[in-house]
Every structure is written in structure tokens, then in C-alpha cells.
Amino acid sequence: MKRVIIDTDPGDDDAAAILWCLASDNIQVEALTITHGNVEVDKCAQNALVLLEIAGRQDIPVYKGVDKPLLRPAWHAKWIHGEDGFGDVDLPVPTSKLAGNRAAEEIVRRVQEAPGEISLLALAPLTNVALAIGMEPRLSEWVKEIILMGGAVRTGGNVTPVATFNIAVDPEAAHMVYHSGIPIVQVGLDVCNHVEETDHHLAEVEKTHSPVTDFLIKILQFRRDRAARLMDELGSQFQIPGMANPDVPAHITGQGVRLNDLPTAGYLVAPELFRGEKVFVEIETKGEFTAGVTVADFRSQYEKPPNATVLLKVDGPKLVERWVQDIINYQ
């Protein structure tokens, strides 16, 4: 059984990834720690409570963390997630409450009590994780690994031409994490761009009509509508006949959506579907146009030892089929 703390900013794609972890019979979710990101941290925390109530998992504690990056102004992604992060569908107010500790403190406490046993699944900007590292340098001895959503090394970014949202929002935090000595698995756009939840997949989820699948389809509608509108505007400019075009924004295609947090959870569920390379990765923090870039030194030109496994290939269709089956079978 894989023990995991999920650091997250729910987010419809976070919800799909968290529910996959809950549905998997080889993952034990210890806690959710909440940070700023897709929307404000208070909204993210409420979304986490709603999600766990719908999933019947109020036993999992939720710890609220920071509301902004270490050094920079807050930056959100409401254009694809909606004002509330869950597609503005007026979900009920949760009846459960947040746990008492702050997120970074709780990360430290839990991994200290179980050294080498707990992985961090980081689906958000890395501020909470960086603060935990700053509080307790021995975290590098206690955390099994950090599996994080972010980065792009052989493709473009999704919020700037070269950087991805979770890293660009708080590059200073990402720099701390990558230099912490904790084993890192980078699940970036190099693989996320090849994992698509098509209309067919979502129809399979929708026809199940469980509380979980009804919830997912409901909160994903905002993203699907947004994707359809943007494809009308951008598709004719970018479409290459016969293939998915990597120049189309990462969550927008003509046949479905891309939920970038799903492959990150997917690596925890089914790592055999991925291939990657151990490499030294540096995070750019000073560039006017390049802040948040993940610079992967594949030729060892910096002469530094690898600090991350960068995933480069994935069996996308098989991964999505696994997600669909696990979600529709979730009880």
C-alpha cells in the first residue's frame, strides 16, 4: 500500500486526480494539504471538503496552507476552472471542517512519524512543500519521494511560452524543492500533453451515474465549454491534419480535455505506463521572460548529479482507460 499526502489546489483536474487516488486499491491517502493556485486558498480548502464528502471520505483530514507564493503576488487560473475552482456549479456548502494544524506543519509531523514511508503528491504550486522544507531540513531524510505536476523540458509551457503554471506561480518555492535532496518525479507537459480525456471517455464516466461520476461531469462542464469556445477561436490556426498539435494550449483539444493532474496521480497508480530519465533540473527564478522554466541538463553540462526523474513518455490511452475504469467502479 502506497501512503501519500496530497498537496493540492482543487481545481477540477485536482478533483479528478484525488478521486483516482481514493478509488485505487493500492493507495492510502493520509491527508490533503491545501495551497493557493487555481483559485484562492479558502475556496480550494472548501472544495477539498466538498470533494471528500461526495466521495464518502470525511475521515481524511484537510489542512489549509498559505494563500500566496513565497515572494510573488498571487496568481490564479479562474479562466479554465471558474471563479470557485469547480466550474461555478453552486455545490453545497460542506458540513465537515478543516483540521487544526497548518499544512506545512502537518507535512513535517506526518513524515517525521513515518520516515521513508510517505510520498508527497504535489498537484499545485509548491509553496506548502517549500515551507515544510524550510521548517525541517531533515525532511529530505523522511519523505519517500515527491511526485509533482509541473515542468516542460522538450515542449513549451502552458502559461508562458516556456513555463508551466505550478512552477511559474512560485518559482522560488520550486527552486527550494528541487534543491532539497528529496527524490523528485517530474510529471510535466512532456507527458501530460499526451494524455487526453476524450468525449468518449467522459461519456463512459457520465453514464455510470454515481455520486462521484455525477460530480465530476458537473464540474468539468465549465472546462469543456471553455475548451470548445477556444478551439473555435484557435483551432483553425493550430490544427495539423492527422495529429494532435502541441501548439494548442495544453488543456484544449478538439475531442475532449486534458486534466494535467491526472497523469501525476497516474504515475502513483500505474508507474509502469511511464518512461523517464534521471537528470539535473534547475529552476529559473530571475529571468524576465523565463521565470519558472525547468532547465533539464540532459548532457550533464552543469556537472551536477541528477535531482529528478523527468518523465518523457507515457501510454496515454491506457492510462486514461485505467482512470475511467477505476472511477466508474469507485464505491
Protein backbone atom coordinates (compact mmCIF):
# COMPACT_ATOMS: atom_id res chain seq x y z
CA MET A 1 0.00 0.00 0.00
CA LYS A 2 1.41 3.40 -1.03
CA ARG A 3 0.95 6.07 1.62
CA VAL A 4 0.54 9.60 0.28
CA ILE A 5 -0.15 13.17 1.36
CA ILE A 6 -1.73 15.16 -1.48
CA ASP A 7 -0.77 18.84 -1.65
CA THR A 8 -3.39 20.42 -3.85
CA ASP A 9 -5.35 23.49 -5.01
CA PRO A 10 -8.70 21.94 -6.06
CA GLY A 11 -9.45 22.62 -9.11
CA ASP A 12 -11.50 20.31 -11.32
CA ASP A 13 -8.40 18.46 -12.54
CA ASP A 14 -7.21 18.09 -8.95
CA ALA A 15 -10.59 16.59 -8.11
CA ALA A 16 -10.28 14.02 -10.89
CA ALA A 17 -6.77 13.09 -9.70
CA ILE A 18 -7.67 12.92 -5.99
CA LEU A 19 -10.70 10.76 -6.69
CA TRP A 20 -8.49 8.39 -8.69
CA CYS A 21 -6.21 8.01 -5.69
CA LEU A 22 -9.22 7.33 -3.47
CA ALA A 23 -10.53 4.78 -5.96
CA SER A 24 -7.23 2.94 -6.25
CA ASP A 25 -6.77 -0.16 -4.10
CA ASN A 26 -3.00 0.40 -3.80
CA ILE A 27 -3.03 3.97 -2.44
CA GLN A 28 -3.74 5.18 1.08
CA VAL A 29 -4.41 8.92 1.22
CA GLU A 30 -3.23 10.18 4.61
CA ALA A 31 -4.26 13.83 4.30
CA LEU A 32 -4.93 16.71 1.92
CA THR A 33 -2.86 19.85 2.37
CA ILE A 34 -4.24 22.91 0.62
CA THR A 35 -2.48 25.82 -1.04
CA HIS A 36 -3.23 28.77 -3.29
CA GLY A 37 -3.20 28.15 -7.02
CA ASN A 38 -6.16 27.54 -9.27
CA VAL A 39 -8.23 29.82 -7.03
CA GLU A 40 -7.77 31.42 -3.60
CA VAL A 41 -6.75 29.09 -0.78
CA ASP A 42 -10.04 29.45 1.14
CA LYS A 43 -12.00 28.33 -1.92
CA CYS A 44 -9.55 25.50 -2.51
CA ALA A 45 -9.99 24.33 1.09
CA GLN A 46 -13.77 24.36 0.80
CA ASN A 47 -13.54 22.44 -2.48
CA ALA A 48 -11.41 19.78 -0.79
CA LEU A 49 -14.05 19.30 1.93
CA VAL A 50 -16.86 19.09 -0.63
CA LEU A 51 -14.90 16.57 -2.68
CA LEU A 52 -14.25 14.28 0.31
CA GLU A 53 -17.88 14.45 1.41
CA ILE A 54 -19.09 13.42 -2.06
CA ALA A 55 -16.53 10.60 -2.05
CA GLY A 56 -17.64 9.46 1.42
CA ARG A 57 -14.15 10.05 2.83
CA GLN A 58 -14.62 12.64 5.55
CA ASP A 59 -12.15 10.56 7.57
CA ILE A 60 -9.31 12.13 5.58
CA PRO A 61 -8.20 15.38 7.27
CA VAL A 62 -7.80 18.61 5.31
CA TYR A 63 -5.17 21.17 6.37
CA LYS A 64 -5.17 24.70 4.96
CA GLY A 65 -1.87 26.23 3.98
CA VAL A 66 -0.59 29.50 2.54
CA ASP A 67 -2.56 31.97 0.46
CA LYS A 68 0.23 33.32 -1.75
CA PRO A 69 3.68 32.45 -3.15
CA LEU A 70 6.84 32.94 -1.10
CA LEU A 71 7.86 36.21 -2.75
CA ARG A 72 5.43 37.00 -5.56
CA PRO A 73 1.82 38.15 -5.85
CA ALA A 74 -0.91 35.52 -6.00
CA TRP A 75 -1.81 34.28 -9.48
CA HIS A 76 -4.86 32.14 -10.25
CA ALA A 77 -6.31 30.16 -13.18
CA LYS A 78 -10.00 31.02 -12.97
CA TRP A 79 -10.28 31.30 -16.73
CA ILE A 80 -10.27 27.48 -17.01
CA HIS A 81 -11.51 26.47 -13.52
CA GLY A 82 -14.19 29.11 -12.90
CA GLU A 83 -14.40 31.60 -10.04
CA ASP A 84 -14.78 28.86 -7.43
CA GLY A 85 -12.39 26.33 -9.00
CA PHE A 86 -15.15 23.79 -9.58
CA GLY A 87 -16.79 25.33 -12.63
CA ASP A 88 -19.20 27.65 -10.77
CA VAL A 89 -21.89 24.99 -10.38
CA ASP A 90 -23.14 26.05 -6.92
CA LEU A 91 -22.11 22.97 -4.98
CA PRO A 92 -23.44 22.62 -1.41
CA VAL A 93 -21.51 24.10 1.49
CA PRO A 94 -19.56 21.30 3.19
CA THR A 95 -20.61 20.22 6.67
CA SER A 96 -17.16 18.94 7.68
CA LYS A 97 -14.46 21.24 9.00
CA LEU A 98 -10.78 21.83 8.39
CA ALA A 99 -8.29 20.15 10.71
CA GLY A 100 -6.38 22.36 13.12
CA ASN A 101 -2.76 22.39 12.01
CA ARG A 102 -1.34 24.40 9.16
CA ALA A 103 -0.42 22.44 6.04
CA ALA A 104 3.37 22.74 6.20
CA GLU A 105 3.45 21.82 9.89
CA GLU A 106 1.31 18.78 9.22
CA ILE A 107 3.51 17.61 6.36
CA VAL A 108 6.50 17.74 8.68
CA ARG A 109 4.71 15.97 11.53
CA ARG A 110 3.37 13.12 9.45
CA VAL A 111 6.54 12.28 7.56
CA GLN A 112 8.60 12.53 10.75
CA GLU A 113 6.36 9.93 12.36
CA ALA A 114 6.76 7.56 9.38
CA PRO A 115 10.20 8.19 7.86
CA GLY A 116 10.64 6.77 4.37
CA GLU A 117 7.02 5.64 4.09
CA ILE A 118 5.06 8.65 2.83
CA SER A 119 5.17 10.19 -0.64
CA LEU A 120 4.02 13.72 -1.42
CA LEU A 121 1.76 14.07 -4.44
CA ALA A 122 2.09 17.75 -5.33
CA LEU A 123 -0.67 18.95 -7.67
CA ALA A 124 -0.25 22.68 -7.04
CA PRO A 125 2.33 25.44 -6.68
CA LEU A 126 4.99 24.15 -4.31
CA THR A 127 4.72 26.80 -1.58
CA ASN A 128 3.48 24.48 1.19
CA VAL A 129 6.18 21.94 0.41
CA ALA A 130 8.91 24.58 0.35
CA LEU A 131 7.76 25.95 3.71
CA ALA A 132 7.85 22.44 5.17
CA ILE A 133 11.42 22.02 3.89
CA GLY A 134 12.38 25.37 5.41
CA MET A 135 10.88 24.35 8.75
CA GLU A 136 12.63 20.99 8.89
CA PRO A 137 15.77 20.29 6.80
CA ARG A 138 15.59 16.61 7.76
CA LEU A 139 12.53 16.29 5.51
CA SER A 140 14.94 15.05 2.84
CA GLU A 141 15.60 12.02 5.06
CA TRP A 142 11.94 11.36 5.82
CA VAL A 143 9.94 11.92 2.61
CA LYS A 144 9.94 8.88 0.33
CA GLU A 145 9.56 10.98 -2.84
CA ILE A 146 7.75 13.98 -4.28
CA ILE A 147 5.68 13.32 -7.39
CA LEU A 148 4.85 16.74 -8.78
CA MET A 149 2.78 18.14 -11.60
CA GLY A 150 4.76 20.76 -13.45
CA GLY A 151 7.58 21.47 -15.82
CA ALA A 152 8.27 21.21 -19.53
CA VAL A 153 11.65 20.27 -20.95
CA ARG A 154 11.03 19.17 -24.55
CA THR A 155 7.87 21.15 -25.19
CA GLY A 156 6.51 24.62 -24.47
CA GLY A 157 4.80 25.92 -21.37
CA ASN A 158 1.11 26.50 -20.74
CA VAL A 159 1.09 29.92 -19.02
CA THR A 160 4.17 31.39 -20.70
CA PRO A 161 5.89 30.16 -23.86
CA VAL A 162 8.35 28.22 -21.71
CA ALA A 163 6.90 27.69 -18.20
CA THR A 164 4.05 25.75 -16.60
CA PHE A 165 1.55 27.11 -14.12
CA ASN A 166 2.55 25.29 -10.94
CA ILE A 167 6.22 26.22 -11.31
CA ALA A 168 5.74 29.74 -12.70
CA VAL A 169 3.36 30.77 -9.91
CA ASP A 170 6.06 30.23 -7.27
CA PRO A 171 9.45 29.52 -8.87
CA GLU A 172 11.31 30.29 -5.63
CA ALA A 173 9.38 27.52 -3.87
CA ALA A 174 10.07 25.15 -6.75
CA HIS A 175 13.77 26.00 -6.56
CA MET A 176 13.80 25.06 -2.86
CA VAL A 177 12.03 21.78 -3.55
CA TYR A 178 14.31 20.75 -6.43
CA HIS A 179 17.38 21.51 -4.31
CA SER A 180 16.06 19.80 -1.16
CA GLY A 181 17.61 16.40 -1.73
CA ILE A 182 14.19 14.72 -1.72
CA PRO A 183 13.73 12.31 -4.67
CA ILE A 184 11.54 14.05 -7.26
CA VAL A 185 9.46 12.70 -10.11
CA GLN A 186 8.54 15.50 -12.53
CA VAL A 187 5.26 14.84 -14.33
CA GLY A 188 5.27 17.73 -16.77
CA LEU A 189 3.75 18.66 -20.10
CA ASP A 190 6.15 16.28 -21.84
CA VAL A 191 3.74 13.52 -20.78
CA CYS A 192 0.58 15.47 -19.88
CA ASN A 193 0.23 16.68 -23.47
CA HIS A 194 -0.18 13.04 -24.50
CA VAL A 195 -2.96 12.16 -22.05
CA GLU A 196 -6.39 13.19 -23.26
CA GLU A 197 -9.78 12.53 -21.71
CA THR A 198 -11.91 12.40 -24.84
CA ASP A 199 -15.65 12.91 -25.16
CA HIS A 200 -15.91 9.12 -25.38
CA HIS A 201 -14.12 8.66 -22.05
CA LEU A 202 -16.25 11.28 -20.35
CA ALA A 203 -19.41 9.70 -21.76
CA GLU A 204 -18.38 6.40 -20.16
CA VAL A 205 -17.95 8.17 -16.84
CA GLU A 206 -21.25 10.06 -17.21
CA LYS A 207 -23.44 7.04 -17.86
CA THR A 208 -22.44 5.41 -14.57
CA HIS A 209 -24.45 7.95 -12.52
CA SER A 210 -22.80 7.52 -9.14
CA PRO A 211 -22.35 10.48 -6.76
CA VAL A 212 -18.68 10.66 -7.77
CA THR A 213 -19.19 10.45 -11.54
CA ASP A 214 -22.14 12.89 -11.49
CA PHE A 215 -19.98 15.33 -9.52
CA LEU A 216 -17.05 15.02 -11.93
CA ILE A 217 -19.14 15.51 -15.05
CA LYS A 218 -20.84 18.52 -13.48
CA ILE A 219 -17.66 20.36 -12.50
CA LEU A 220 -15.91 19.54 -15.80
CA GLN A 221 -18.62 21.17 -17.93
CA PHE A 222 -17.15 24.66 -17.50
CA ARG A 223 -13.78 23.45 -18.80
CA ARG A 224 -15.38 21.56 -21.68
CA ASP A 225 -17.39 24.62 -22.72
CA ARG A 226 -14.32 26.81 -22.45
CA ALA A 227 -12.26 24.35 -24.48
CA ALA A 228 -14.89 24.21 -27.21
CA ARG A 229 -15.01 28.01 -27.47
CA LEU A 230 -11.23 28.31 -27.63
CA MET A 231 -10.96 25.61 -30.26
CA ASP A 232 -13.42 27.59 -32.36
CA GLU A 233 -11.13 30.60 -31.97
CA LEU A 234 -7.73 28.87 -32.19
CA GLY A 235 -8.24 25.53 -33.86
CA SER A 236 -8.06 26.69 -37.44
CA GLN A 237 -4.77 28.43 -36.69
CA PHE A 238 -3.10 25.49 -34.96
CA GLN A 239 -4.63 22.25 -36.19
CA ILE A 240 -2.33 19.87 -38.04
CA PRO A 241 -4.27 17.23 -40.01
CA GLY A 242 -3.96 13.75 -38.61
CA MET A 243 -2.28 14.56 -35.32
CA ALA A 244 -2.71 16.37 -32.04
CA ASN A 245 -0.96 19.71 -32.26
CA PRO A 246 1.36 20.52 -29.31
CA ASP A 247 0.92 24.24 -30.05
CA VAL A 248 -2.71 24.14 -28.96
CA PRO A 249 -2.85 25.13 -25.26
CA ALA A 250 -2.30 22.13 -23.03
CA HIS A 251 -5.88 21.69 -21.79
CA ILE A 252 -7.59 22.41 -25.12
CA THR A 253 -8.21 19.98 -27.95
CA GLY A 254 -10.99 19.30 -30.37
CA GLN A 255 -12.10 16.00 -28.87
CA GLY A 256 -12.03 16.33 -25.10
CA VAL A 257 -9.98 17.84 -22.32
CA ARG A 258 -6.57 17.38 -20.76
CA LEU A 259 -6.59 17.20 -16.99
CA ASN A 260 -2.91 17.61 -16.27
CA ASP A 261 -3.15 16.45 -12.66
CA LEU A 262 -4.45 13.06 -13.81
CA PRO A 263 -1.12 11.77 -15.19
CA THR A 264 0.51 12.85 -11.93
CA ALA A 265 -1.85 10.66 -9.93
CA GLY A 266 -1.49 8.10 -12.71
CA TYR A 267 2.21 7.74 -12.03
CA LEU A 268 1.38 6.81 -8.45
CA VAL A 269 -1.30 4.34 -9.59
CA ALA A 270 0.49 2.78 -12.58
CA PRO A 271 4.17 3.85 -12.86
CA GLU A 272 4.81 1.08 -15.39
CA LEU A 273 2.99 3.17 -18.02
CA PHE A 274 5.68 5.89 -17.91
CA ARG A 275 9.30 6.27 -19.01
CA GLY A 276 11.70 8.95 -17.86
CA GLU A 277 15.32 9.93 -17.31
CA LYS A 278 17.23 10.89 -14.17
CA VAL A 279 18.64 14.35 -14.79
CA PHE A 280 19.68 17.52 -13.02
CA VAL A 281 16.89 20.12 -13.22
CA GLU A 282 17.36 23.79 -12.38
CA ILE A 283 14.50 26.25 -11.83
CA GLU A 284 14.88 29.70 -13.34
CA THR A 285 13.86 32.40 -10.83
CA LYS A 286 15.40 35.60 -12.22
CA GLY A 287 14.50 35.71 -15.90
CA GLU A 288 12.13 38.46 -17.02
CA PHE A 289 10.58 36.15 -19.60
CA THR A 290 11.71 32.76 -18.33
CA ALA A 291 10.81 32.62 -14.62
CA GLY A 292 9.59 29.14 -13.75
CA VAL A 293 11.39 27.30 -16.55
CA THR A 294 12.53 23.78 -15.69
CA VAL A 295 16.01 23.56 -17.24
CA ALA A 296 16.93 19.89 -17.68
CA ASP A 297 20.62 19.19 -18.14
CA PHE A 298 20.46 16.05 -20.27
CA ARG A 299 24.12 16.35 -21.34
CA SER A 300 25.50 16.97 -17.81
CA GLN A 301 26.91 20.33 -18.84
CA TYR A 302 26.43 21.67 -15.31
CA GLU A 303 28.32 18.66 -13.95
CA LYS A 304 25.79 18.20 -11.17
CA PRO A 305 24.20 14.91 -10.06
CA PRO A 306 20.57 14.22 -11.05
CA ASN A 307 17.95 15.63 -8.70
CA ALA A 308 14.81 14.49 -10.54
CA THR A 309 13.35 11.77 -12.69
CA VAL A 310 11.81 13.66 -15.60
CA LEU A 311 9.02 11.69 -17.24
CA LEU A 312 9.17 11.87 -21.04
CA LYS A 313 6.88 9.13 -22.35
CA VAL A 314 3.52 7.70 -21.34
CA ASP A 315 0.97 5.25 -22.69
CA GLY A 316 -1.74 7.89 -22.64
CA PRO A 317 -4.69 5.83 -23.94
CA LYS A 318 -4.03 3.00 -21.48
CA LEU A 319 -3.65 5.46 -18.61
CA VAL A 320 -6.98 7.17 -19.34
CA GLU A 321 -8.77 3.84 -19.71
CA ARG A 322 -7.42 2.84 -16.29
CA TRP A 323 -8.74 6.09 -14.80
CA VAL A 324 -12.16 5.61 -16.36
CA GLN A 325 -12.49 2.06 -15.04
CA ASP A 326 -11.31 2.96 -11.55
CA ILE A 327 -13.64 5.96 -11.35
CA ILE A 328 -16.75 4.17 -12.60
CA ASN A 329 -16.07 1.30 -10.19
CA TYR A 330 -15.50 3.58 -7.19
CA GLN A 331 -17.74 2.65 -4.28
